[in-house]
Amino acid sequence: QVQLVESGGGLVQAGGSLRLSCAASGRTFSPYRMGWFRQAPGKEREFVAAITWSGGSTTYLDSVKGRFTISRDNAKNTVYLQMNSLKPEDTADYYCAGQLSLSGRIEVANEYDYWGQGTQVTVSS
């Protein structure tokens, strides 16, 4: 079994930064892609960023391009989301997810195979 554990969320003022981490454990951890999603109260879960585990190819939601950076440390089985210039509209619960299939759609949440429990990010204005 694979477990994903997020950390690094918190309360920050607009313009500030946070770094989220997602640590994976389990003998069979070998995703094709890792992603970050977010869900604000009353809204659907939204794709934020993704990275392929081997090649490091990245994809971002348009509204976070230039502000957020996804990266991974294969040796530590950890994926990161560096969030800079945070805005109140970035407030949400953030989830990391793993996708096993290379044919899975990057931005579609239900095509990811395993999920963390989430970490809350609150950006005050």
C-alpha atoms as a PDB file:
ATOM      1  CA  GLN A   1       0.000   0.000   0.000  1.00  0.00           C
ATOM      2  CA  VAL A   2       1.131   3.537  -0.783  1.00  0.00           C
ATOM      3  CA  GLN A   3       0.537   6.348   1.663  1.00  0.00           C
ATOM      4  CA  LEU A   4       0.888  10.048   0.891  1.00  0.00           C
ATOM      5  CA  VAL A   5       1.300  12.539   3.712  1.00  0.00           C
ATOM      6  CA  GLU A   6       1.170  16.290   3.056  1.00  0.00           C
ATOM      7  CA  SER A   7       2.632  18.954   5.295  1.00  0.00           C
ATOM      8  CA  GLY A   8       3.536  22.615   5.187  1.00  0.00           C
ATOM      9  CA  GLY A   9       0.155  24.280   5.092  1.00  0.00           C
ATOM     10  CA  GLY A  10      -0.772  27.218   7.282  1.00  0.00           C
ATOM     11  CA  LEU A  11      -1.891  30.804   7.471  1.00  0.00           C
ATOM     12  CA  VAL A  12      -0.002  33.422   5.484  1.00  0.00           C
ATOM     13  CA  GLN A  13      -0.602  36.988   4.415  1.00  0.00           C
ATOM     14  CA  ALA A  14      -1.190  37.863   0.785  1.00  0.00           C
ATOM     15  CA  GLY A  15       2.123  38.111  -1.023  1.00  0.00           C
ATOM     16  CA  GLY A  16       3.727  35.539   1.242  1.00  0.00           C
ATOM     17  CA  SER A  17       5.083  32.077   0.536  1.00  0.00           C
ATOM     18  CA  LEU A  18       4.556  28.514   1.656  1.00  0.00           C
ATOM     19  CA  ARG A  19       6.202  25.249   0.707  1.00  0.00           C
ATOM     20  CA  LEU A  20       4.073  22.135   0.749  1.00  0.00           C
ATOM     21  CA  SER A  21       5.604  18.682   0.962  1.00  0.00           C
ATOM     22  CA  CYS A  22       4.136  15.296   0.142  1.00  0.00           C
ATOM     23  CA  ALA A  23       6.013  12.271   1.401  1.00  0.00           C
ATOM     24  CA  ALA A  24       5.210   8.854  -0.013  1.00  0.00           C
ATOM     25  CA  SER A  25       5.737   5.566   1.704  1.00  0.00           C
ATOM     26  CA  GLY A  26       5.179   2.011   0.595  1.00  0.00           C
ATOM     27  CA  ARG A  27       7.279  -0.614  -1.101  1.00  0.00           C
ATOM     28  CA  THR A  28       5.496  -0.288  -4.440  1.00  0.00           C
ATOM     29  CA  PHE A  29       5.688   3.473  -4.862  1.00  0.00           C
ATOM     30  CA  SER A  30       6.322   3.997  -8.557  1.00  0.00           C
ATOM     31  CA  PRO A  31       3.963   6.566 -10.009  1.00  0.00           C
ATOM     32  CA  TYR A  32       4.119   7.906 -13.531  1.00  0.00           C
ATOM     33  CA  ARG A  33       3.064  11.350 -12.341  1.00  0.00           C
ATOM     34  CA  MET A  34       2.483  13.229  -9.088  1.00  0.00           C
ATOM     35  CA  GLY A  35       0.054  16.092  -8.860  1.00  0.00           C
ATOM     36  CA  TRP A  36      -1.245  18.756  -6.525  1.00  0.00           C
ATOM     37  CA  PHE A  37      -4.924  19.621  -6.382  1.00  0.00           C
ATOM     38  CA  ARG A  38      -6.847  22.055  -4.223  1.00  0.00           C
ATOM     39  CA  GLN A  39     -10.400  22.384  -3.011  1.00  0.00           C
ATOM     40  CA  ALA A  40     -11.916  25.552  -1.625  1.00  0.00           C
ATOM     41  CA  PRO A  41     -15.097  25.472   0.486  1.00  0.00           C
ATOM     42  CA  GLY A  42     -18.135  24.931  -1.714  1.00  0.00           C
ATOM     43  CA  LYS A  43     -16.045  24.345  -4.841  1.00  0.00           C
ATOM     44  CA  GLU A  44     -14.923  21.324  -6.800  1.00  0.00           C
ATOM     45  CA  ARG A  45     -11.424  19.924  -6.508  1.00  0.00           C
ATOM     46  CA  GLU A  46      -9.134  21.785  -8.932  1.00  0.00           C
ATOM     47  CA  PHE A  47      -5.883  20.778 -10.586  1.00  0.00           C
ATOM     48  CA  VAL A  48      -2.913  22.937  -9.590  1.00  0.00           C
ATOM     49  CA  ALA A  49       0.295  21.328 -10.837  1.00  0.00           C
ATOM     50  CA  ALA A  50       1.820  17.996 -11.825  1.00  0.00           C
ATOM     51  CA  ILE A  51       5.232  16.497 -12.482  1.00  0.00           C
ATOM     52  CA  THR A  52       6.305  13.253 -14.084  1.00  0.00           C
ATOM     53  CA  TRP A  53       8.230  11.158 -11.634  1.00  0.00           C
ATOM     54  CA  SER A  54      11.100  10.132 -13.894  1.00  0.00           C
ATOM     55  CA  GLY A  55      11.565  12.981 -16.353  1.00  0.00           C
ATOM     56  CA  GLY A  56      10.352  15.889 -14.289  1.00  0.00           C
ATOM     57  CA  SER A  57       8.059  17.321 -16.935  1.00  0.00           C
ATOM     58  CA  THR A  58       5.721  19.862 -15.327  1.00  0.00           C
ATOM     59  CA  THR A  59       2.218  21.202 -15.975  1.00  0.00           C
ATOM     60  CA  TYR A  60       0.503  24.089 -14.188  1.00  0.00           C
ATOM     61  CA  LEU A  61      -2.893  25.672 -13.812  1.00  0.00           C
ATOM     62  CA  ASP A  62      -2.744  28.977 -15.690  1.00  0.00           C
ATOM     63  CA  SER A  63      -3.524  31.072 -12.630  1.00  0.00           C
ATOM     64  CA  VAL A  64      -0.512  29.745 -10.710  1.00  0.00           C
ATOM     65  CA  LYS A  65       2.074  29.858 -13.485  1.00  0.00           C
ATOM     66  CA  GLY A  66       5.018  31.986 -12.468  1.00  0.00           C
ATOM     67  CA  ARG A  67       4.026  31.813  -8.790  1.00  0.00           C
ATOM     68  CA  PHE A  68       4.031  28.091  -7.965  1.00  0.00           C
ATOM     69  CA  THR A  69       6.759  25.544  -8.646  1.00  0.00           C
ATOM     70  CA  ILE A  70       6.383  21.792  -8.378  1.00  0.00           C
ATOM     71  CA  SER A  71       9.452  19.626  -7.860  1.00  0.00           C
ATOM     72  CA  ARG A  72      10.347  16.172  -6.650  1.00  0.00           C
ATOM     73  CA  ASP A  73      13.118  14.381  -4.830  1.00  0.00           C
ATOM     74  CA  ASN A  74      13.072  10.808  -6.066  1.00  0.00           C
ATOM     75  CA  ALA A  75      15.507   9.619  -3.416  1.00  0.00           C
ATOM     76  CA  LYS A  76      13.194  10.848  -0.667  1.00  0.00           C
ATOM     77  CA  ASN A  77       9.965   9.868  -2.446  1.00  0.00           C
ATOM     78  CA  THR A  78       8.794  13.415  -1.867  1.00  0.00           C
ATOM     79  CA  VAL A  79       7.108  15.996  -4.060  1.00  0.00           C
ATOM     80  CA  TYR A  80       7.022  19.697  -3.229  1.00  0.00           C
ATOM     81  CA  LEU A  81       4.902  22.684  -4.134  1.00  0.00           C
ATOM     82  CA  GLN A  82       6.620  26.021  -3.616  1.00  0.00           C
ATOM     83  CA  MET A  83       3.969  28.729  -3.541  1.00  0.00           C
ATOM     84  CA  ASN A  84       5.043  32.357  -3.846  1.00  0.00           C
ATOM     85  CA  SER A  85       3.089  35.603  -4.179  1.00  0.00           C
ATOM     86  CA  LEU A  86       0.104  33.949  -2.585  1.00  0.00           C
ATOM     87  CA  LYS A  87      -3.331  35.466  -3.065  1.00  0.00           C
ATOM     88  CA  PRO A  88      -6.515  35.116  -1.023  1.00  0.00           C
ATOM     89  CA  GLU A  89      -8.021  33.100  -3.871  1.00  0.00           C
ATOM     90  CA  ASP A  90      -5.338  30.453  -3.299  1.00  0.00           C
ATOM     91  CA  THR A  91      -7.018  29.597   0.003  1.00  0.00           C
ATOM     92  CA  ALA A  92      -8.016  25.928  -0.064  1.00  0.00           C
ATOM     93  CA  ASP A  93      -7.210  22.469   1.163  1.00  0.00           C
ATOM     94  CA  TYR A  94      -4.294  21.178  -0.912  1.00  0.00           C
ATOM     95  CA  TYR A  95      -3.945  17.500  -1.785  1.00  0.00           C
ATOM     96  CA  CYS A  96      -1.169  15.557  -3.424  1.00  0.00           C
ATOM     97  CA  ALA A  97      -2.001  12.610  -5.633  1.00  0.00           C
ATOM     98  CA  GLY A  98      -0.248   9.879  -7.562  1.00  0.00           C
ATOM     99  CA  GLN A  99      -1.112   8.677 -11.046  1.00  0.00           C
ATOM    100  CA  LEU A 100       0.087   5.287 -12.210  1.00  0.00           C
ATOM    101  CA  SER A 101      -0.841   5.364 -15.888  1.00  0.00           C
ATOM    102  CA  LEU A 102       1.066   7.403 -18.447  1.00  0.00           C
ATOM    103  CA  SER A 103      -2.174   7.743 -20.378  1.00  0.00           C
ATOM    104  CA  GLY A 104      -4.023   9.310 -17.482  1.00  0.00           C
ATOM    105  CA  ARG A 105      -5.252  12.838 -18.004  1.00  0.00           C
ATOM    106  CA  ILE A 106      -3.125  15.256 -16.056  1.00  0.00           C
ATOM    107  CA  GLU A 107      -5.860  17.579 -14.829  1.00  0.00           C
ATOM    108  CA  VAL A 108      -8.571  15.020 -14.021  1.00  0.00           C
ATOM    109  CA  ALA A 109      -8.717  14.189 -10.336  1.00  0.00           C
ATOM    110  CA  ASN A 110     -10.486  10.856 -10.643  1.00  0.00           C
ATOM    111  CA  GLU A 111      -7.739   9.544 -12.903  1.00  0.00           C
ATOM    112  CA  TYR A 112      -5.279   9.664 -10.024  1.00  0.00           C
ATOM    113  CA  ASP A 113      -4.842   6.478  -8.072  1.00  0.00           C
ATOM    114  CA  TYR A 114      -3.868   7.527  -4.602  1.00  0.00           C
ATOM    115  CA  TRP A 115      -4.319  10.618  -2.456  1.00  0.00           C
ATOM    116  CA  GLY A 116      -3.051  12.261   0.666  1.00  0.00           C
ATOM    117  CA  GLN A 117      -5.253  13.558   3.439  1.00  0.00           C
ATOM    118  CA  GLY A 118      -4.752  17.227   2.549  1.00  0.00           C
ATOM    119  CA  THR A 119      -3.202  20.268   4.169  1.00  0.00           C
ATOM    120  CA  GLN A 120      -4.957  23.575   4.669  1.00  0.00           C
ATOM    121  CA  VAL A 121      -3.654  26.810   3.181  1.00  0.00           C
ATOM    122  CA  THR A 122      -5.230  30.108   4.220  1.00  0.00           C
ATOM    123  CA  VAL A 123      -4.142  33.383   2.641  1.00  0.00           C
ATOM    124  CA  SER A 124      -5.345  36.520   4.394  1.00  0.00           C
ATOM    125  CA  SER A 125      -5.802  39.809   2.578  1.00  0.00           C
END
